[in-house]
């Protein structure tokens, strides 16, 4: 019988899934698998990594959905480049199907899988699913990749037609989903079996949770333009982790948001365009994972201060909005987008610490970590990337706090030692006198740290650092 194998990765859903659709359409029977790749898992520092729990919940729902259709998910735990070809042989399938991955190490893995399969007379077929447009699909009039977001966005919208956001009707062929043969082994995927600890997460995994979250967001998307920058309220969609692991379809989200038609919905779609933009940039300039997009800035003399870096990581810089942001990240695995910019600016401009240190810290902590997005946003904040924040524009953390957390609600939630400060003092608590501090229940330097840097002086030093490089 003509059989295929669907390899789920960053696409943990049964509906509107490009690779799954093509597999089902091409074969009489299609098996489904997921591999916990030890080449990835073994590098994770935290044995209570929240991403593992999100994935576990998502594949549990995926497996349940398959079983409802008299099929099931084969789970493997090992080196994916070895496990997938081995499983293909055990099942006797002709072709393995997966959706595109874009990171250099994952591309190398896929090339190895393809070679191994080919040596046994099999093949690997991959498809676009994670973004609307990828690689060379949106280019300048001269046929070159864009280096600036706004013209890319305009070209993106000009190219977009119903064809690009039309759903793949996987359900048409669900009767071709196959149950795993009893002779084929499926590995356990409890936290203990994966060598990870059980941990609670604020954003549950799975398509149902992602869909519910999107439906809830649509009830308030009209306010998105103004609400998205306020960290103390639910102003954003909070769908980034679902997009990261593909529990929701990017085509479905764009289609429904554009149909909604409000200014807020259109603005949100423009934020999704940033995903495509950063993904495209990584494809054309893969060096950006370790080097500046603008090569001259590799000469910047970053400070290598481990003490200041630890203070930033742990949320004890003495700047309440920065500390609240870092504590949100450390305790939840999430950080509000506005605060990602504030925290990144503070590390690279106020402390003048290497952006790569911050990027790797976010990589370890973020539930929604995506290499292209994280690198792109860090380089933007550090003024060394595409369409970057100009080097002479340095976020003032106090001004950012006063503007986007005016009553201090977000600060009070994550820096509770400052809860007694009134709104007009909480953004710069060290400016209050000793008696006032005691009255507010927090003495600066004892109960909460004094600022580790003078922002005005740090701003001038940062600008001077950039000017030195620009002067050659």
Protein backbone atom coordinates (compact mmCIF):
# COMPACT_ATOMS: atom_id res chain seq x y z
CA UNK A 1 0.00 0.00 0.00
CA UNK A 2 1.15 3.58 -0.79
CA UNK A 3 2.14 5.03 2.62
CA UNK A 4 3.68 8.26 3.87
CA UNK A 5 4.90 9.64 7.21
CA UNK A 6 4.02 13.09 8.59
CA UNK A 7 6.79 14.47 10.82
CA UNK A 8 5.28 17.13 13.10
CA UNK A 9 7.66 19.84 14.32
CA UNK A 10 6.70 23.54 14.54
CA UNK A 11 3.21 22.78 13.25
CA UNK A 12 1.43 20.98 16.09
CA UNK A 13 -2.10 20.94 14.65
CA UNK A 14 -4.23 18.80 12.36
CA UNK A 15 -6.13 21.55 10.56
CA UNK A 16 -4.72 23.83 7.83
CA UNK A 17 -1.33 22.13 7.87
CA UNK A 18 0.53 22.29 4.55
CA UNK A 19 2.72 19.20 4.92
CA UNK A 20 -0.06 17.10 6.39
CA UNK A 21 -2.38 18.06 3.54
CA UNK A 22 0.16 17.09 0.88
CA UNK A 23 0.94 13.81 2.65
CA UNK A 24 -2.72 12.86 2.94
CA UNK A 25 -3.48 13.83 -0.64
CA UNK A 26 -0.56 11.81 -2.03
CA UNK A 27 -0.93 8.56 -0.06
CA UNK A 28 -3.48 5.91 0.83
CA UNK A 29 -2.21 5.76 4.41
CA UNK A 30 -0.30 8.36 6.43
CA UNK A 31 1.36 7.75 9.78
CA UNK A 32 2.14 10.63 12.14
CA UNK A 33 5.16 11.14 14.39
CA UNK A 34 6.86 13.62 16.66
CA UNK A 35 10.46 13.39 17.84
CA UNK A 36 11.78 14.93 21.05
CA UNK A 37 15.18 15.72 19.55
CA UNK A 38 17.91 15.15 22.14
CA UNK A 39 20.32 17.30 20.13
CA UNK A 40 18.04 20.19 21.15
CA UNK A 41 16.86 19.01 24.56
CA UNK A 42 20.31 18.14 25.88
CA UNK A 43 21.43 21.74 25.34
CA UNK A 44 18.63 23.23 27.46
CA UNK A 45 20.08 24.44 30.76
CA UNK A 46 16.86 24.43 32.77
CA UNK A 47 15.42 20.99 33.52
CA UNK A 48 12.11 22.75 34.24
CA UNK A 49 11.99 24.44 30.82
CA UNK A 50 8.44 25.64 30.18
CA UNK A 51 8.68 24.95 26.45
CA UNK A 52 8.84 21.22 27.04
CA UNK A 53 5.57 21.33 28.95
CA UNK A 54 3.91 23.41 26.21
CA UNK A 55 5.03 20.90 23.60
CA UNK A 56 3.88 17.96 25.75
CA UNK A 57 0.42 19.46 26.15
CA UNK A 58 0.24 20.23 22.44
CA UNK A 59 1.17 16.74 21.28
CA UNK A 60 -1.19 15.22 23.84
CA UNK A 61 -4.02 17.10 22.14
CA UNK A 62 -2.61 16.18 18.73
CA UNK A 63 -2.50 12.50 19.68
CA UNK A 64 -6.06 12.66 21.03
CA UNK A 65 -7.23 14.23 17.77
CA UNK A 66 -5.55 11.47 15.78
CA UNK A 67 -7.03 8.76 17.96
CA UNK A 68 -10.52 10.23 17.44
CA UNK A 69 -9.89 9.46 13.77
CA UNK A 70 -8.68 5.91 14.52
CA UNK A 71 -5.05 6.91 14.11
CA UNK A 72 -2.41 7.95 16.65
CA UNK A 73 0.91 9.70 17.16
CA UNK A 74 4.22 7.84 17.20
CA UNK A 75 6.54 9.60 19.64
CA UNK A 76 10.29 9.13 19.55
CA UNK A 77 12.97 10.41 21.91
CA UNK A 78 16.46 10.61 20.42
CA UNK A 79 18.52 12.28 17.71
CA UNK A 80 15.94 13.25 15.09
CA UNK A 81 18.31 12.84 12.15
CA UNK A 82 18.65 9.19 13.17
CA UNK A 83 15.18 8.46 14.52
CA UNK A 84 13.17 9.71 11.55
CA UNK A 85 14.92 7.64 8.84
CA UNK A 86 14.85 4.62 11.16
CA UNK A 87 11.12 5.05 11.74
CA UNK A 88 10.50 5.46 8.01
CA UNK A 89 12.20 2.13 7.47
CA UNK A 90 10.20 0.41 10.21
CA UNK A 91 6.95 1.68 8.69
CA UNK A 92 7.99 0.99 5.10
CA UNK A 93 6.96 4.47 3.96
CA UNK A 94 8.08 5.95 0.67
CA UNK A 95 8.10 9.62 1.66
CA UNK A 96 8.48 11.65 4.86
CA UNK A 97 6.63 14.98 4.98
CA UNK A 98 7.45 18.01 7.13
CA UNK A 99 7.08 21.78 7.05
CA UNK A 100 10.02 24.10 6.46
CA UNK A 101 12.37 25.00 9.27
CA UNK A 102 14.66 27.99 8.86
CA UNK A 103 17.44 27.89 11.44
CA UNK A 104 20.88 26.82 10.21
CA UNK A 105 21.20 23.83 12.52
CA UNK A 106 17.70 22.62 11.66
CA UNK A 107 18.41 22.99 7.95
CA UNK A 108 21.55 20.91 8.40
CA UNK A 109 19.48 18.28 10.22
CA UNK A 110 16.97 18.18 7.37
CA UNK A 111 19.71 17.79 4.78
CA UNK A 112 21.10 14.86 6.76
CA UNK A 113 17.64 13.26 7.05
CA UNK A 114 17.10 13.72 3.30
CA UNK A 115 20.46 12.09 2.47
CA UNK A 116 19.85 9.17 4.80
CA UNK A 117 16.37 8.58 3.41
CA UNK A 118 17.63 8.84 -0.17
CA UNK A 119 20.28 6.19 0.49
CA UNK A 120 17.41 3.84 1.30
CA UNK A 121 15.27 4.82 -1.68
CA UNK A 122 13.03 7.20 0.27
CA UNK A 123 12.60 10.98 0.24
CA UNK A 124 11.88 14.02 2.43
CA UNK A 125 9.36 16.59 1.19
CA UNK A 126 8.99 19.93 3.00
CA UNK A 127 6.53 22.80 2.60
CA UNK A 128 5.99 26.42 3.67
CA UNK A 129 3.67 26.65 6.66
CA UNK A 130 5.17 28.84 9.40
CA UNK A 131 4.90 32.21 7.60
CA UNK A 132 2.84 33.81 4.84
CA UNK A 133 5.87 34.75 2.71
CA UNK A 134 9.36 33.29 3.03
CA UNK A 135 12.83 33.48 1.54
CA UNK A 136 12.66 35.22 -1.90
CA UNK A 137 8.89 35.59 -2.14
CA UNK A 138 8.89 39.33 -1.36
CA UNK A 139 11.69 41.28 -3.05
CA UNK A 140 12.42 44.85 -4.09
CA UNK A 141 11.70 46.04 -7.63
CA UNK A 142 15.38 45.34 -8.33
CA UNK A 143 14.96 41.74 -7.19
CA UNK A 144 16.89 42.20 -3.95
CA UNK A 145 15.86 41.34 -0.38
CA UNK A 146 14.54 44.23 1.67
CA UNK A 147 16.68 45.75 4.40
CA UNK A 148 13.99 48.07 5.80
CA UNK A 149 10.68 46.97 7.27
CA UNK A 150 8.22 49.61 6.00
CA UNK A 151 8.81 49.08 2.26
CA UNK A 152 8.82 45.33 2.92
CA UNK A 153 5.46 45.65 4.65
CA UNK A 154 4.04 47.61 1.73
CA UNK A 155 5.29 45.02 -0.75
CA UNK A 156 3.97 42.24 1.47
CA UNK A 157 0.47 43.71 1.43
CA UNK A 158 0.66 44.35 -2.32
CA UNK A 159 1.54 40.72 -2.98
CA UNK A 160 -1.03 39.26 -0.60
CA UNK A 161 -4.03 37.62 -2.26
CA UNK A 162 -6.60 35.13 -1.05
CA UNK A 163 -4.40 32.35 -2.44
CA UNK A 164 -1.70 32.90 0.20
CA UNK A 165 -4.06 32.72 3.17
CA UNK A 166 -6.36 29.99 1.94
CA UNK A 167 -6.54 27.06 4.34
CA UNK A 168 -5.31 23.58 3.40
CA UNK A 169 -8.39 21.33 3.73
CA UNK A 170 -6.70 18.47 5.59
CA UNK A 171 -10.04 17.19 6.87
CA UNK A 172 -10.99 16.15 3.33
CA UNK A 173 -8.52 13.25 3.61
CA UNK A 174 -8.62 12.45 7.33
CA UNK A 175 -9.82 8.93 6.51
CA UNK A 176 -6.28 8.26 5.27
CA UNK A 177 -4.70 8.79 8.69
CA UNK A 178 -3.29 5.47 9.89
CA UNK A 179 -2.96 3.90 13.31
CA UNK A 180 0.61 2.99 14.29
CA UNK A 181 1.37 -0.72 13.84
CA UNK A 182 1.70 -2.57 17.14
CA UNK A 183 5.22 -3.65 16.17
CA UNK A 184 6.40 -0.02 15.97
CA UNK A 185 7.62 1.36 19.27
CA UNK A 186 6.46 4.72 20.64
CA UNK A 187 8.55 6.19 23.42
CA UNK A 188 7.06 7.59 26.65
CA UNK A 189 7.01 11.37 26.91
CA UNK A 190 6.33 12.12 30.54
CA UNK A 191 8.60 14.80 32.04
CA UNK A 192 10.60 12.11 33.84
CA UNK A 193 11.05 10.08 30.65
CA UNK A 194 12.38 13.19 28.93
CA UNK A 195 14.64 14.01 31.90
CA UNK A 196 12.70 17.19 32.67
CA UNK A 197 10.74 18.35 35.69
CA UNK A 198 6.99 18.92 35.74
CA UNK A 199 6.16 22.64 35.69
CA UNK A 200 3.00 24.72 35.46
CA UNK A 201 2.70 27.18 32.57
CA UNK A 202 0.44 30.22 32.23
CA UNK A 203 -0.25 29.61 28.53
CA UNK A 204 -1.48 26.04 27.99
CA UNK A 205 -0.50 24.23 24.83
CA UNK A 206 -2.67 22.90 22.05
CA UNK A 207 -4.83 24.15 19.22
CA UNK A 208 -7.94 24.50 21.36
CA UNK A 209 -6.18 26.84 23.78
CA UNK A 210 -4.70 28.84 20.90
CA UNK A 211 -8.04 29.15 19.16
CA UNK A 212 -9.79 30.22 22.38
CA UNK A 213 -7.11 32.84 22.95
CA UNK A 214 -7.47 34.22 19.43
CA UNK A 215 -11.27 34.38 19.75
CA UNK A 216 -10.89 36.29 23.01
CA UNK A 217 -8.37 38.65 21.41
CA UNK A 218 -10.79 39.46 18.58
CA UNK A 219 -13.22 40.86 21.17
CA UNK A 220 -10.66 43.55 22.07
CA UNK A 221 -8.57 43.86 18.91
CA UNK A 222 -10.21 47.22 18.09
CA UNK A 223 -8.25 48.72 21.02
CA UNK A 224 -4.97 47.12 19.97
CA UNK A 225 -3.31 50.29 18.62
CA UNK A 226 -3.31 51.95 22.05
CA UNK A 227 -3.55 48.95 24.38
CA UNK A 228 -0.62 46.97 22.97
CA UNK A 229 1.99 49.12 24.75
CA UNK A 230 0.49 48.90 28.25
CA UNK A 231 2.03 45.93 30.09
CA UNK A 232 -0.40 45.93 33.02
CA UNK A 233 -3.39 45.01 30.81
CA UNK A 234 -4.13 42.33 28.22
CA UNK A 235 -3.50 44.57 25.25
CA UNK A 236 -1.63 42.12 23.02
CA UNK A 237 -2.82 38.83 21.54
CA UNK A 238 -0.37 36.73 23.62
CA UNK A 239 -0.38 34.25 20.75
CA UNK A 240 3.36 34.27 20.11
CA UNK A 241 3.99 30.85 21.68
CA UNK A 242 1.15 29.32 19.65
CA UNK A 243 2.65 30.80 16.51
CA UNK A 244 6.09 29.55 17.53
CA UNK A 245 4.93 25.94 17.80
CA UNK A 246 2.27 26.11 15.12
CA UNK A 247 -0.70 25.15 17.25
CA UNK A 248 -2.56 27.83 15.30
CA UNK A 249 -2.37 28.60 11.59
CA UNK A 250 -0.79 31.88 10.54
CA UNK A 251 -3.00 31.83 7.44
CA UNK A 252 -6.12 31.54 9.54
CA UNK A 253 -5.07 34.38 11.85
CA UNK A 254 -4.24 36.78 9.02
CA UNK A 255 -7.39 35.90 7.12
CA UNK A 256 -9.71 36.46 10.08
CA UNK A 257 -7.93 39.61 11.26
CA UNK A 258 -8.15 41.21 7.82
CA UNK A 259 -11.81 40.24 7.59
CA UNK A 260 -12.38 41.90 10.95
CA UNK A 261 -11.30 45.11 9.26
CA UNK A 262 -10.70 47.48 12.18
CA UNK A 263 -7.63 49.69 12.51
CA UNK A 264 -6.55 47.57 15.48
CA UNK A 265 -6.83 44.36 13.49
CA UNK A 266 -4.85 45.84 10.58
CA UNK A 267 -2.15 47.04 12.97
CA UNK A 268 -1.92 43.56 14.47
CA UNK A 269 -1.47 42.05 11.01
CA UNK A 270 1.40 44.49 10.46
CA UNK A 271 3.02 43.05 13.58
CA UNK A 272 2.68 39.60 12.02
CA UNK A 273 4.44 40.98 8.94
CA UNK A 274 7.44 41.62 11.21
CA UNK A 275 7.61 37.82 11.70
CA UNK A 276 7.93 37.30 7.96
CA UNK A 277 10.43 40.16 7.71
CA UNK A 278 12.77 38.81 10.41
CA UNK A 279 12.42 35.31 8.96
CA UNK A 280 13.39 36.61 5.51
CA UNK A 281 16.37 38.53 6.93
CA UNK A 282 17.71 35.42 8.67
CA UNK A 283 17.41 33.48 5.39
CA UNK A 284 19.43 36.03 3.41
CA UNK A 285 21.90 37.03 6.14
CA UNK A 286 22.40 33.97 8.39
CA UNK A 287 25.48 35.56 9.97
CA UNK A 288 23.22 37.77 12.12
CA UNK A 289 22.88 35.05 14.75
CA UNK A 290 26.37 35.93 15.99
CA UNK A 291 27.39 39.11 14.14
CA UNK A 292 25.89 42.52 13.45
CA UNK A 293 23.81 42.91 10.31
CA UNK A 294 25.80 46.11 9.77
CA UNK A 295 29.37 44.68 9.81
CA UNK A 296 31.03 47.90 10.96
CA UNK A 297 29.30 47.51 14.32
CA UNK A 298 31.14 44.29 15.06
CA UNK A 299 33.90 46.65 16.19
CA UNK A 300 31.79 48.09 19.04
CA UNK A 301 33.63 47.81 22.34
CA UNK A 302 30.97 46.23 24.54
CA UNK A 303 31.56 46.09 28.29
CA UNK A 304 32.15 42.58 29.63
CA UNK A 305 30.74 43.24 33.10
CA UNK A 306 29.36 40.03 34.57
CA UNK A 307 28.17 41.77 37.73
CA UNK A 308 26.02 44.30 35.89
CA UNK A 309 24.77 41.55 33.58
CA UNK A 310 23.71 39.44 36.56
CA UNK A 311 21.88 42.44 38.04
CA UNK A 312 20.01 42.86 34.76
CA UNK A 313 19.17 39.15 34.54
CA UNK A 314 17.90 39.01 38.10
CA UNK A 315 15.88 42.24 38.01
CA UNK A 316 17.92 44.30 40.46
CA UNK A 317 19.19 47.21 38.37
CA UNK A 318 17.41 49.84 40.47
CA UNK A 319 15.24 50.84 37.50
CA UNK A 320 11.77 49.53 38.39
CA UNK A 321 10.37 49.03 34.89
CA UNK A 322 13.47 47.10 33.79
CA UNK A 323 13.45 44.99 36.93
CA UNK A 324 9.72 44.28 36.64
CA UNK A 325 10.22 43.17 33.02
CA UNK A 326 13.06 40.82 33.89
CA UNK A 327 11.19 39.35 36.84
CA UNK A 328 8.16 38.77 34.61
CA UNK A 329 10.42 36.84 32.24
CA UNK A 330 12.06 34.82 35.00
CA UNK A 331 8.80 33.84 36.70
CA UNK A 332 6.51 33.30 33.70
CA UNK A 333 8.67 32.71 30.62
CA UNK A 334 7.03 35.71 28.97
CA UNK A 335 7.84 39.39 28.60
CA UNK A 336 5.58 42.07 27.17
CA UNK A 337 6.81 43.29 23.78
CA UNK A 338 7.23 46.95 24.81
CA UNK A 339 9.28 45.80 27.77
CA UNK A 340 11.47 43.58 25.60
CA UNK A 341 12.57 46.76 23.85
CA UNK A 342 13.06 48.62 27.14
CA UNK A 343 15.06 45.78 28.71
CA UNK A 344 17.19 45.28 25.59
CA UNK A 345 17.88 48.98 25.27
CA UNK A 346 18.91 49.17 28.90
CA UNK A 347 21.37 46.28 28.56
CA UNK A 348 22.95 47.48 25.33
CA UNK A 349 22.76 51.27 25.73
CA UNK A 350 22.79 51.99 29.48
CA UNK A 351 25.08 49.12 30.49
CA UNK A 352 26.75 48.82 27.05
CA UNK A 353 26.85 45.05 27.43
CA UNK A 354 27.06 42.80 24.37
CA UNK A 355 23.64 42.23 22.80
CA UNK A 356 24.50 38.55 22.32
CA UNK A 357 24.53 38.04 26.08
CA UNK A 358 20.97 39.33 26.28
CA UNK A 359 19.84 37.41 23.23
CA UNK A 360 21.07 34.14 24.70
CA UNK A 361 19.47 34.87 28.07
CA UNK A 362 16.13 35.45 26.35
CA UNK A 363 16.72 32.24 24.38
CA UNK A 364 17.01 30.32 27.65
CA UNK A 365 13.96 31.89 29.27
CA UNK A 366 11.32 32.79 26.66
CA UNK A 367 8.45 30.36 26.19
CA UNK A 368 7.92 31.84 22.71
CA UNK A 369 11.60 31.95 21.75
CA UNK A 370 12.12 32.10 18.00
CA UNK A 371 15.65 32.63 16.71
CA UNK A 372 14.85 34.96 13.81
CA UNK A 373 12.52 37.14 15.89
CA UNK A 374 14.77 37.30 18.93
CA UNK A 375 17.94 38.11 16.98
CA UNK A 376 16.13 40.64 14.80
CA UNK A 377 14.61 42.46 17.74
CA UNK A 378 17.83 42.47 19.76
CA UNK A 379 19.78 43.89 16.83
CA UNK A 380 17.05 46.52 16.35
CA UNK A 381 17.31 47.59 19.99
CA UNK A 382 21.11 47.59 19.88
CA UNK A 383 21.06 49.74 16.70
CA UNK A 384 23.14 47.26 14.71
CA UNK A 385 20.48 45.48 12.64
CA UNK A 386 18.15 46.07 9.72
CA UNK A 387 16.01 49.18 10.00
CA UNK A 388 17.42 49.58 13.50
CA UNK A 389 16.64 52.10 16.20
CA UNK A 390 19.10 54.98 15.48
CA UNK A 391 22.11 54.69 17.77
CA UNK A 392 21.55 58.16 19.22
CA UNK A 393 18.00 57.31 20.36
CA UNK A 394 18.37 55.71 23.76
CA UNK A 395 15.28 54.69 25.69
CA UNK A 396 14.99 56.52 29.00
CA UNK A 397 13.74 53.77 31.35
CA UNK A 398 12.08 56.25 33.68
CA UNK A 399 10.26 58.03 30.85
CA UNK A 400 9.20 54.67 29.38
CA UNK A 401 7.87 53.64 32.78
CA UNK A 402 5.94 56.88 33.29
CA UNK A 403 4.43 56.65 29.83
CA UNK A 404 3.45 53.00 29.64
CA UNK A 405 2.90 52.10 33.30
CA UNK A 406 1.71 55.48 34.62
CA UNK A 407 0.07 54.23 37.80
CA UNK A 408 2.80 51.66 38.45
CA UNK A 409 0.42 48.69 38.34
CA UNK A 410 2.86 46.48 36.42
CA UNK A 411 5.78 47.46 38.64
CA UNK A 412 3.80 46.68 41.80
CA UNK A 413 2.93 43.23 40.48
CA UNK A 414 6.49 42.14 39.77
CA UNK A 415 8.48 44.37 42.16
CA UNK A 416 6.24 44.11 45.23
CA UNK A 417 8.79 45.75 47.52
CA UNK A 418 7.89 49.04 45.79
CA UNK A 419 4.12 48.57 46.22
CA UNK A 420 3.90 51.28 48.88
CA UNK A 421 5.28 54.04 46.64
CA UNK A 422 2.69 56.38 45.13
CA UNK A 423 2.37 56.59 41.34
CA UNK A 424 4.38 59.81 41.08
CA UNK A 425 7.35 58.25 42.93
CA UNK A 426 7.38 54.58 41.92
CA UNK A 427 9.19 55.11 38.61
CA UNK A 428 12.21 56.68 40.28
CA UNK A 429 12.03 55.55 43.93
CA UNK A 430 15.59 56.52 44.79
CA UNK A 431 14.62 60.17 44.25
CA UNK A 432 12.37 60.05 47.32
CA UNK A 433 13.94 61.13 50.60
CA UNK A 434 14.90 58.64 53.35
CA UNK A 435 11.86 59.46 55.48
CA UNK A 436 9.50 59.06 52.55
CA UNK A 437 11.13 55.74 51.64
CA UNK A 438 10.59 54.41 55.16
CA UNK A 439 7.03 55.62 55.05
CA UNK A 440 6.50 53.76 51.81
CA UNK A 441 7.93 50.60 53.38
CA UNK A 442 11.05 50.28 51.21
CA UNK A 443 14.47 51.81 51.80
CA UNK A 444 16.49 52.15 48.61
CA UNK A 445 19.86 50.46 48.98
CA UNK A 446 18.47 48.09 51.61
CA UNK A 447 15.11 46.71 50.50
CA UNK A 448 15.54 47.54 46.81
CA UNK A 449 18.77 48.43 44.96
CA UNK A 450 19.81 51.94 44.02
CA UNK A 451 20.31 52.49 40.28
CA UNK A 452 23.44 50.69 39.08
CA UNK A 453 24.07 53.35 36.43
CA UNK A 454 23.37 57.03 35.83
CA UNK A 455 21.16 57.04 32.74
CA UNK A 456 22.18 60.49 31.47
CA UNK A 457 25.89 59.67 31.67
CA UNK A 458 25.32 56.17 30.24
CA UNK A 459 23.44 57.61 27.28
CA UNK A 460 26.36 59.90 26.39
CA UNK A 461 28.84 57.04 26.76
CA UNK A 462 26.74 54.83 24.48
CA UNK A 463 26.52 57.50 21.79
CA UNK A 464 30.28 58.05 22.04
CA UNK A 465 30.87 54.30 21.64
CA UNK A 466 28.89 54.30 18.40
CA UNK A 467 30.47 57.51 17.12
CA UNK A 468 33.92 56.03 17.60
CA UNK A 469 33.07 53.11 15.33
CA UNK A 470 31.29 55.29 12.79
CA UNK A 471 34.34 57.52 12.60
CA UNK A 472 36.29 54.52 11.35
